Amino acid sequence: MVMQHVRRATGRAPGVTTMELFFDLVYVFAIIQLSSLLAHHLSVEGGLQTLVLFGAVWWVWNYTTWATNWIDPDRLPVRVLMVVLMGLGLVMSTAIPEAFTERGMQFAIAVAAMQIIRPLFMVITLRGDPIGRNYVNLGMWSTAAGALWIVGAFTEGHVRLAIWALALAVDVAGPMANLWVPGLGATPMSTWTLAPEHLVERNRLIFIIALGETVLALGREFTEVDPTAYAFISLAIGFALTVAFWWLYFARHSDAAEERLAHADDPAALARGGYAYAHAILVGGVIVAAVGTS
């Protein structure tokens, strides 16, 4: 009965809901926080710290995006879940600038809570559904990663960085290992019945959000300098870079990628590589470009 109140309707491609767009607002802030952190810590250590924090941000967004492929954000229980995750995402995002100092526990608890609450919700509401069964395994991996995030918060400096990098590695490795758990076995990607159109659109939107940060960074920097010829040239170069990113993604490859995904023999496996992993590199690269142009 509960499943009927959360499951997306079958037989048609699920659209992106306003609840999902609202949810993404937190990640606008998160991307701004990440680019600001990197801009103020331009060193190897600062780069590694930003990379680990970005990985955490990406993974909580990514796993929520995949979850809404099966549960309907227009249903009340799912809306409540999304609001809870959104609130925790805001707590996580506010901690980013000081995650490796006094706000480490705040960041870790927020990340761990999101990664545990989401699969628990899926297991409870989709019990009896193959996807609910798959989320049992995912919940095990996410709980292990969450524990490492919290353990790392009790440490400092390079030790915290190492433990949090390990926590991120657990999250990243899970889908690669088909979420294998002793006694439960694995959940092959072919068992994750995917609606490709929804996942494609959600990733397009997060890419647009990342591009938005490059525009904001350009605008902020230009307003703080004298309007010299050099400043205008720098603005033009930064803007051209942003346009190039958009052009390559949307005018050249986005539609082709969606078409290929729609006709793949195992769309979930292809989406795992192309969206869960490759898009992390794309979005991360745009954040670096935003810092470089500011």
Protein backbone atom coordinates (compact mmCIF):
# COMPACT_ATOMS: atom_id res chain seq x y z
CA MET A 1 0.00 0.00 0.00
CA VAL A 2 2.79 2.42 0.87
CA MET A 3 4.49 1.67 -2.43
CA GLN A 4 1.40 2.84 -4.33
CA HIS A 5 1.77 6.25 -2.68
CA VAL A 6 5.40 6.81 -3.68
CA ARG A 7 6.10 4.81 -6.84
CA ARG A 8 6.27 6.68 -10.14
CA ALA A 9 3.65 5.72 -12.70
CA THR A 10 4.90 3.10 -15.12
CA GLY A 11 4.46 3.13 -18.86
CA ARG A 12 5.53 6.74 -19.42
CA ALA A 13 8.73 8.71 -19.05
CA PRO A 14 8.81 10.50 -15.68
CA GLY A 15 9.19 14.26 -15.96
CA VAL A 16 11.28 16.49 -13.74
CA THR A 17 9.04 17.95 -11.05
CA THR A 18 9.08 21.37 -9.42
CA MET A 19 10.05 19.65 -6.15
CA GLU A 20 13.24 18.43 -7.80
CA LEU A 21 14.00 21.90 -9.14
CA PHE A 22 13.42 23.33 -5.67
CA PHE A 23 15.71 20.66 -4.20
CA ASP A 24 18.49 21.71 -6.58
CA LEU A 25 18.58 25.22 -5.12
CA VAL A 26 20.65 23.91 -2.23
CA TYR A 27 23.22 22.66 -4.71
CA VAL A 28 23.46 26.08 -6.31
CA PHE A 29 24.70 27.23 -2.92
CA ALA A 30 26.93 24.16 -2.51
CA ILE A 31 28.69 24.80 -5.83
CA ILE A 32 29.23 28.45 -4.89
CA GLN A 33 30.72 27.32 -1.57
CA LEU A 34 33.03 24.83 -3.27
CA SER A 35 34.33 27.31 -5.83
CA SER A 36 34.89 29.88 -3.06
CA LEU A 37 36.79 27.33 -0.98
CA LEU A 38 39.07 26.45 -3.87
CA ALA A 39 39.62 30.09 -4.77
CA HIS A 40 40.84 30.82 -1.24
CA HIS A 41 43.00 27.68 -0.95
CA LEU A 42 44.94 27.47 -4.21
CA SER A 43 47.38 24.78 -3.14
CA VAL A 44 47.73 21.02 -3.51
CA GLU A 45 46.18 20.47 -0.10
CA GLY A 46 43.37 22.92 -0.83
CA GLY A 47 42.70 21.22 -4.14
CA LEU A 48 42.51 17.78 -2.51
CA GLN A 49 40.21 19.05 0.22
CA THR A 50 37.90 20.66 -2.32
CA LEU A 51 37.93 17.46 -4.40
CA VAL A 52 36.86 15.31 -1.45
CA LEU A 53 34.13 17.74 -0.41
CA PHE A 54 32.91 18.03 -3.99
CA GLY A 55 32.77 14.23 -4.17
CA ALA A 56 30.55 14.14 -1.09
CA VAL A 57 28.27 16.85 -2.49
CA TRP A 58 28.09 15.14 -5.86
CA TRP A 59 27.31 11.74 -4.42
CA VAL A 60 24.42 12.88 -2.23
CA TRP A 61 22.94 14.77 -5.18
CA ASN A 62 23.56 11.86 -7.55
CA TYR A 63 21.98 9.24 -5.31
CA THR A 64 18.92 11.43 -4.75
CA THR A 65 18.58 11.94 -8.50
CA TRP A 66 18.64 8.21 -9.10
CA ALA A 67 16.12 7.61 -6.31
CA THR A 68 13.61 10.00 -7.89
CA ASN A 69 13.75 7.86 -11.01
CA TRP A 70 11.53 5.39 -9.08
CA ILE A 71 9.73 7.50 -6.48
CA ASP A 72 7.46 10.42 -7.36
CA PRO A 73 8.40 13.79 -5.82
CA ASP A 74 4.80 14.93 -6.31
CA ARG A 75 3.68 12.39 -3.69
CA LEU A 76 3.51 13.69 -0.11
CA PRO A 77 5.86 11.11 1.52
CA VAL A 78 8.49 11.77 -1.16
CA ARG A 79 8.10 15.53 -0.80
CA VAL A 80 8.75 15.17 2.92
CA LEU A 81 11.85 13.10 2.16
CA MET A 82 13.09 15.70 -0.33
CA VAL A 83 12.54 18.54 2.15
CA VAL A 84 14.48 16.63 4.83
CA LEU A 85 17.31 15.93 2.41
CA MET A 86 17.24 19.55 1.27
CA GLY A 87 17.55 20.79 4.85
CA LEU A 88 20.44 18.45 5.53
CA GLY A 89 22.02 19.57 2.25
CA LEU A 90 21.83 23.16 3.45
CA VAL A 91 23.53 22.18 6.71
CA MET A 92 26.22 20.37 4.70
CA SER A 93 26.74 23.31 2.35
CA THR A 94 27.12 25.89 5.11
CA ALA A 95 29.89 23.76 6.63
CA ILE A 96 31.98 23.51 3.44
CA PRO A 97 34.35 26.48 4.05
CA GLU A 98 35.28 25.16 7.51
CA ALA A 99 34.77 21.43 6.98
CA PHE A 100 38.45 20.74 7.64
CA THR A 101 38.48 22.89 10.76
CA GLU A 102 35.72 23.49 13.33
CA ARG A 103 32.72 22.42 11.24
CA GLY A 104 33.91 18.97 10.29
CA MET A 105 31.36 17.15 12.44
CA GLN A 106 28.54 19.29 11.04
CA PHE A 107 29.53 18.36 7.50
CA ALA A 108 30.03 14.67 8.28
CA ILE A 109 26.75 14.18 10.13
CA ALA A 110 24.78 15.92 7.38
CA VAL A 111 26.37 13.77 4.66
CA ALA A 112 25.98 10.55 6.64
CA ALA A 113 22.36 11.32 7.51
CA MET A 114 21.42 11.92 3.88
CA GLN A 115 23.17 8.77 2.71
CA ILE A 116 21.41 6.65 5.33
CA ILE A 117 17.92 8.21 5.41
CA ARG A 118 17.43 7.96 1.62
CA PRO A 119 18.02 4.20 1.18
CA LEU A 120 16.11 3.50 4.41
CA PHE A 121 13.12 5.36 2.97
CA MET A 122 13.41 3.38 -0.27
CA VAL A 123 13.64 0.04 1.53
CA ILE A 124 10.58 0.76 3.69
CA THR A 125 8.34 2.30 1.04
CA LEU A 126 9.31 -0.06 -1.80
CA ARG A 127 9.34 -3.31 0.15
CA GLY A 128 8.31 -6.14 -2.13
CA ASP A 129 9.62 -4.23 -5.14
CA PRO A 130 12.95 -5.33 -6.73
CA ILE A 131 14.21 -1.75 -6.42
CA GLY A 132 13.49 -1.85 -2.69
CA ARG A 133 15.53 -5.04 -2.47
CA ASN A 134 18.41 -3.36 -4.29
CA TYR A 135 18.33 -0.48 -1.82
CA VAL A 136 19.05 -2.87 1.04
CA ASN A 137 22.50 -3.41 -0.47
CA LEU A 138 22.94 0.27 -1.27
CA GLY A 139 22.01 1.14 2.29
CA MET A 140 24.75 -1.15 3.60
CA TRP A 141 27.40 0.58 1.48
CA SER A 142 26.10 4.05 2.34
CA THR A 143 26.07 3.26 6.06
CA ALA A 144 29.68 2.10 5.90
CA ALA A 145 30.67 5.30 4.09
CA GLY A 146 28.65 7.41 6.53
CA ALA A 147 30.44 5.85 9.49
CA LEU A 148 33.79 6.79 7.94
CA TRP A 149 32.65 10.38 7.39
CA ILE A 150 31.80 10.66 11.09
CA VAL A 151 34.99 8.91 12.24
CA GLY A 152 37.01 11.34 10.12
CA ALA A 153 35.35 14.29 11.81
CA PHE A 154 36.95 13.25 15.12
CA THR A 155 40.41 13.69 13.57
CA GLU A 156 42.23 16.68 12.13
CA GLY A 157 44.38 17.76 9.19
CA HIS A 158 45.79 15.14 6.86
CA VAL A 159 44.26 12.28 8.86
CA ARG A 160 40.77 13.71 8.34
CA LEU A 161 41.48 14.16 4.66
CA ALA A 162 42.64 10.53 4.34
CA ILE A 163 39.63 9.08 6.19
CA TRP A 164 37.16 11.22 4.27
CA ALA A 165 38.83 10.24 1.01
CA LEU A 166 38.30 6.61 2.04
CA ALA A 167 34.64 7.34 2.83
CA LEU A 168 34.20 8.84 -0.62
CA ALA A 169 35.99 5.85 -2.17
CA VAL A 170 33.48 3.50 -0.53
CA ASP A 171 30.57 5.43 -2.05
CA VAL A 172 32.24 5.57 -5.47
CA ALA A 173 33.23 1.89 -5.43
CA GLY A 174 29.80 0.60 -4.46
CA PRO A 175 28.11 0.73 -7.88
CA MET A 176 31.30 -0.55 -9.53
CA ALA A 177 31.07 -3.64 -7.32
CA ASN A 178 27.34 -3.99 -8.07
CA LEU A 179 26.79 -3.20 -4.38
CA TRP A 180 27.89 -6.69 -3.36
CA VAL A 181 27.25 -7.46 0.31
CA PRO A 182 28.27 -10.69 2.10
CA GLY A 183 25.23 -12.89 2.57
CA LEU A 184 23.07 -10.75 0.28
CA GLY A 185 24.98 -11.01 -2.97
CA ALA A 186 25.13 -8.32 -5.65
CA THR A 187 22.60 -6.13 -7.44
CA PRO A 188 23.61 -6.12 -11.14
CA MET A 189 22.86 -2.89 -12.98
CA SER A 190 20.41 -4.77 -15.19
CA THR A 191 18.10 -5.08 -12.14
CA TRP A 192 17.87 -1.28 -11.79
CA THR A 193 14.99 -0.57 -14.20
CA LEU A 194 15.86 2.91 -15.37
CA ALA A 195 13.86 5.63 -17.12
CA PRO A 196 16.73 7.27 -19.04
CA GLU A 197 14.92 10.49 -19.97
CA HIS A 198 14.53 11.55 -16.36
CA LEU A 199 18.16 10.93 -15.45
CA VAL A 200 19.38 12.75 -18.55
CA GLU A 201 17.28 15.82 -17.80
CA ARG A 202 18.36 15.94 -14.15
CA ASN A 203 22.03 15.87 -15.15
CA ARG A 204 21.45 18.56 -17.76
CA LEU A 205 20.06 20.77 -15.02
CA ILE A 206 22.97 20.27 -12.64
CA PHE A 207 25.36 21.05 -15.48
CA ILE A 208 23.47 24.29 -16.13
CA ILE A 209 23.75 25.12 -12.42
CA ALA A 210 27.52 24.62 -12.62
CA LEU A 211 27.69 26.88 -15.68
CA GLY A 212 25.69 29.45 -13.74
CA GLU A 213 28.47 29.61 -11.16
CA THR A 214 31.00 30.49 -13.88
CA VAL A 215 28.75 33.36 -14.98
CA LEU A 216 28.34 34.54 -11.38
CA ALA A 217 32.09 34.31 -10.78
CA LEU A 218 32.78 36.36 -13.89
CA GLY A 219 30.27 38.99 -12.90
CA ARG A 220 31.48 39.22 -9.31
CA GLU A 221 35.09 39.62 -10.36
CA PHE A 222 34.36 42.18 -13.07
CA THR A 223 32.42 44.41 -10.65
CA GLU A 224 35.39 44.48 -8.26
CA VAL A 225 38.05 45.64 -10.74
CA ASP A 226 38.59 48.80 -12.74
CA PRO A 227 36.96 48.62 -16.21
CA THR A 228 40.26 48.52 -18.08
CA ALA A 229 40.92 46.94 -21.47
CA TYR A 230 42.58 44.00 -19.70
CA ALA A 231 39.48 43.49 -17.54
CA PHE A 232 37.21 43.47 -20.59
CA ILE A 233 39.47 40.99 -22.39
CA SER A 234 39.47 38.72 -19.34
CA LEU A 235 35.68 38.96 -19.15
CA ALA A 236 35.36 38.09 -22.84
CA ILE A 237 37.67 35.07 -22.51
CA GLY A 238 35.80 33.78 -19.46
CA PHE A 239 32.44 34.25 -21.13
CA ALA A 240 33.65 32.51 -24.29
CA LEU A 241 34.82 29.57 -22.17
CA THR A 242 31.38 29.29 -20.56
CA VAL A 243 29.67 29.42 -23.96
CA ALA A 244 32.05 26.74 -25.24
CA PHE A 245 31.14 24.46 -22.35
CA TRP A 246 27.44 24.94 -23.08
CA TRP A 247 27.93 24.43 -26.81
CA LEU A 248 29.93 21.25 -26.48
CA TYR A 249 27.47 19.75 -24.03
CA PHE A 250 24.09 20.81 -25.36
CA ALA A 251 24.62 21.54 -29.06
CA ARG A 252 26.95 18.63 -29.78
CA HIS A 253 26.59 15.70 -27.39
CA SER A 254 23.59 15.85 -25.02
CA ASP A 255 20.90 14.65 -27.42
CA ALA A 256 23.17 11.97 -28.88
CA ALA A 257 23.92 10.67 -25.38
CA GLU A 258 20.22 10.48 -24.56
CA GLU A 259 19.50 8.61 -27.78
CA ARG A 260 22.26 6.13 -27.11
CA LEU A 261 21.05 5.58 -23.56
CA ALA A 262 17.47 5.02 -24.69
CA HIS A 263 18.54 2.24 -27.05
CA ALA A 264 21.18 0.59 -24.86
CA ASP A 265 20.84 -3.08 -23.94
CA ASP A 266 21.62 -2.19 -20.32
CA PRO A 267 20.75 1.50 -19.88
CA ALA A 268 21.43 1.53 -16.13
CA ALA A 269 25.01 0.31 -16.62
CA LEU A 270 25.63 2.91 -19.32
CA ALA A 271 24.04 5.63 -17.19
CA ARG A 272 26.22 4.66 -14.24
CA GLY A 273 29.35 5.40 -16.25
CA GLY A 274 28.04 8.34 -18.25
CA TYR A 275 26.12 10.18 -15.56
CA ALA A 276 27.02 8.98 -12.06
CA TYR A 277 30.76 9.08 -12.81
CA ALA A 278 31.52 11.05 -15.99
CA HIS A 279 29.23 13.92 -15.10
CA ALA A 280 31.04 14.34 -11.80
CA ILE A 281 34.16 15.10 -13.84
CA LEU A 282 32.23 17.50 -16.09
CA VAL A 283 30.65 19.44 -13.22
CA GLY A 284 33.89 19.44 -11.25
CA GLY A 285 35.74 20.77 -14.28
CA VAL A 286 33.27 23.62 -14.67
CA ILE A 287 33.76 24.55 -11.00
CA VAL A 288 37.52 24.67 -11.54
CA ALA A 289 36.96 26.83 -14.62
CA ALA A 290 34.77 29.17 -12.55
CA VAL A 291 37.65 29.63 -10.11
CA GLY A 292 40.11 30.11 -12.94
CA THR A 293 38.06 32.87 -14.54
CA SER A 294 37.51 34.76 -11.30
